[in-house]
Amino acid sequence: MKRINVLGAMLWLFIKESIPLQFLVTALVGIIFWLLGWSAIAIMAFVFTLELLFFKANTNVADDVVFSKDIFNLIKKEGDQLRVGMEVGSIKNIKLIKLWQQDEHGHIALTLNAHSSVRYKFPNNQYHPLLDWFKANLPEVELVTAYRF
């Protein structure tokens, strides 16, 4: 049983950020169940596969802006990963970071992976240090900066 758990964890690490891989694995599981004669489970697997393929459920997409007193407590570079609060994404998948000032606050918005994007606002005095931090730590990522009224 422990071996199955380890294999499942390894598989999840491989597919967790890729909807096409999730689709393929789920379709494969559905085919295996179908061949074994477990049609109810196979139908469930295929319905889930179709949901992944056509609807791409983005359950972790943040629509609300979260206020942070210290944005530097939330943003950390960990090897080739960027952690923003509780969300983590591969730096190579981050194409654009939006950083702007509005209503006496700094704002940041970025998409970490296919399932999660983050939006934070923070004290305005942290805007320029954060901009410098991104330029120093993530020079390959495009920064879009602006001032909004």
Protein backbone atom coordinates (compact mmCIF):
# COMPACT_ATOMS: atom_id res chain seq x y z
CA MET A 1 0.00 0.00 0.00
CA LYS A 2 2.86 2.39 0.82
CA ARG A 3 4.34 1.76 -2.63
CA ILE A 4 1.05 2.77 -4.29
CA ASN A 5 0.94 5.98 -2.23
CA VAL A 6 4.50 6.86 -3.25
CA LEU A 7 3.73 6.18 -6.92
CA GLY A 8 0.55 8.27 -6.68
CA ALA A 9 2.46 11.16 -5.09
CA MET A 10 5.13 10.98 -7.78
CA LEU A 11 2.48 10.93 -10.51
CA TRP A 12 0.68 13.91 -8.96
CA LEU A 13 3.91 15.96 -8.85
CA PHE A 14 4.35 15.20 -12.54
CA ILE A 15 0.83 16.13 -13.69
CA LYS A 16 -0.49 18.69 -11.18
CA GLU A 17 0.22 21.77 -13.33
CA SER A 18 -0.71 20.30 -16.70
CA ILE A 19 -4.32 19.89 -17.75
CA PRO A 20 -3.39 17.83 -20.87
CA LEU A 21 -1.47 15.35 -18.69
CA GLN A 22 -4.38 15.18 -16.23
CA PHE A 23 -6.65 14.48 -19.20
CA LEU A 24 -4.43 11.67 -20.49
CA VAL A 25 -4.03 10.00 -17.10
CA THR A 26 -7.76 10.19 -16.39
CA ALA A 27 -8.60 8.82 -19.84
CA LEU A 28 -6.14 5.96 -19.31
CA VAL A 29 -7.74 5.12 -15.94
CA GLY A 30 -11.18 5.19 -17.58
CA ILE A 31 -10.04 2.79 -20.34
CA ILE A 32 -8.54 0.40 -17.77
CA PHE A 33 -11.78 0.37 -15.75
CA TRP A 34 -13.81 -0.12 -18.95
CA LEU A 35 -11.68 -3.12 -19.94
CA LEU A 36 -12.08 -4.63 -16.47
CA GLY A 37 -15.85 -4.38 -16.76
CA TRP A 38 -16.34 -1.64 -14.18
CA SER A 39 -18.46 0.51 -16.43
CA ALA A 40 -19.86 2.87 -13.75
CA ILE A 41 -16.37 3.89 -12.64
CA ALA A 42 -15.23 4.13 -16.26
CA ILE A 43 -18.13 6.45 -17.11
CA MET A 44 -17.25 8.65 -14.12
CA ALA A 45 -13.62 8.81 -15.26
CA PHE A 46 -14.65 9.75 -18.79
CA VAL A 47 -17.02 12.47 -17.56
CA PHE A 48 -14.21 13.91 -15.46
CA THR A 49 -11.90 13.68 -18.49
CA LEU A 50 -14.38 15.65 -20.58
CA GLU A 51 -14.66 18.24 -17.82
CA LEU A 52 -10.87 18.65 -17.84
CA LEU A 53 -10.75 18.87 -21.61
CA PHE A 54 -13.65 21.22 -22.28
CA PHE A 55 -14.19 23.26 -19.16
CA LYS A 56 -10.71 23.47 -17.56
CA ALA A 57 -11.97 24.01 -14.04
CA ASN A 58 -9.86 26.78 -12.53
CA THR A 59 -10.80 26.44 -8.90
CA ASN A 60 -7.80 28.35 -7.57
CA VAL A 61 -8.04 31.49 -9.67
CA ALA A 62 -8.13 34.47 -7.36
CA ASP A 63 -10.67 37.12 -8.30
CA ASP A 64 -10.33 39.14 -5.12
CA VAL A 65 -7.48 41.42 -4.22
CA VAL A 66 -5.91 40.51 -0.88
CA PHE A 67 -4.22 43.18 1.24
CA SER A 68 -0.79 42.44 2.70
CA LYS A 69 0.95 44.68 5.23
CA ASP A 70 4.34 43.32 4.10
CA ILE A 71 4.46 41.91 0.59
CA PHE A 72 8.02 40.66 1.12
CA ASN A 73 6.72 38.13 3.67
CA LEU A 74 4.64 36.59 0.87
CA ILE A 75 7.02 36.55 -2.10
CA LYS A 76 9.94 34.13 -2.09
CA LYS A 77 12.10 32.62 -4.80
CA GLU A 78 12.79 28.96 -4.02
CA GLY A 79 15.14 27.60 -6.67
CA ASP A 80 13.19 27.59 -9.93
CA GLN A 81 9.87 28.15 -8.12
CA LEU A 82 8.17 31.38 -7.07
CA ARG A 83 6.02 31.29 -3.95
CA VAL A 84 3.43 34.03 -3.47
CA GLY A 85 1.57 33.42 -0.24
CA MET A 86 0.31 29.84 -0.33
CA GLU A 87 0.54 29.53 -4.13
CA VAL A 88 3.63 28.17 -5.91
CA GLY A 89 4.51 28.16 -9.59
CA SER A 90 7.47 27.43 -11.80
CA ILE A 91 9.32 30.59 -12.82
CA LYS A 92 9.61 29.34 -16.41
CA ASN A 93 5.79 29.36 -16.65
CA ILE A 94 5.44 32.96 -15.43
CA LYS A 95 5.38 35.18 -18.50
CA LEU A 96 4.08 38.47 -17.13
CA ILE A 97 3.93 40.29 -13.80
CA LYS A 98 1.72 43.36 -13.53
CA LEU A 99 2.81 45.85 -10.90
CA TRP A 100 1.14 49.23 -10.42
CA GLN A 101 0.22 51.94 -7.93
CA GLN A 102 -3.39 52.89 -7.28
CA ASP A 103 -5.20 54.67 -4.45
CA GLU A 104 -2.12 54.93 -2.22
CA HIS A 105 -1.40 51.21 -2.57
CA GLY A 106 0.88 49.09 -4.68
CA HIS A 107 -0.77 46.24 -6.59
CA ILE A 108 0.59 43.03 -8.06
CA ALA A 109 -1.13 40.53 -10.35
CA LEU A 110 0.40 37.45 -11.89
CA THR A 111 -0.49 33.97 -13.08
CA LEU A 112 1.63 31.27 -11.45
CA ASN A 113 0.31 28.28 -13.42
CA ALA A 114 -2.75 27.02 -15.26
CA HIS A 115 -4.73 26.80 -12.02
CA SER A 116 -3.77 29.81 -9.96
CA SER A 117 -3.29 33.51 -10.27
CA VAL A 118 -2.70 35.95 -7.45
CA ARG A 119 -3.62 39.58 -6.84
CA TYR A 120 -2.36 41.52 -3.85
CA LYS A 121 -2.28 45.11 -2.74
CA PHE A 122 0.27 46.41 -0.29
CA PRO A 123 1.56 49.68 1.20
CA ASN A 124 2.80 52.07 -1.46
CA ASN A 125 6.23 52.45 0.17
CA GLN A 126 6.99 48.82 -0.79
CA TYR A 127 6.29 49.37 -4.50
CA HIS A 128 9.77 50.43 -5.66
CA PRO A 129 11.65 47.89 -3.49
CA LEU A 130 9.39 45.14 -4.89
CA LEU A 131 10.00 46.35 -8.43
CA ASP A 132 13.77 46.24 -7.77
CA TRP A 133 13.44 42.75 -6.24
CA PHE A 134 11.71 41.42 -9.36
CA LYS A 135 14.31 43.01 -11.63
CA ALA A 136 17.12 41.41 -9.61
CA ASN A 137 15.57 37.97 -8.99
CA LEU A 138 13.40 37.39 -12.08
CA PRO A 139 15.06 39.27 -14.96
CA GLU A 140 13.59 36.87 -17.54
CA VAL A 141 9.98 37.67 -16.60
CA GLU A 142 8.30 40.64 -18.29
CA LEU A 143 7.25 43.38 -15.87
CA VAL A 144 4.39 45.69 -16.76
CA THR A 145 4.37 48.73 -14.50
CA ALA A 146 1.95 51.64 -14.42
CA TYR A 147 0.32 54.21 -12.20
CA ARG A 148 -3.47 54.04 -12.03
CA PHE A 149 -5.71 56.69 -10.52
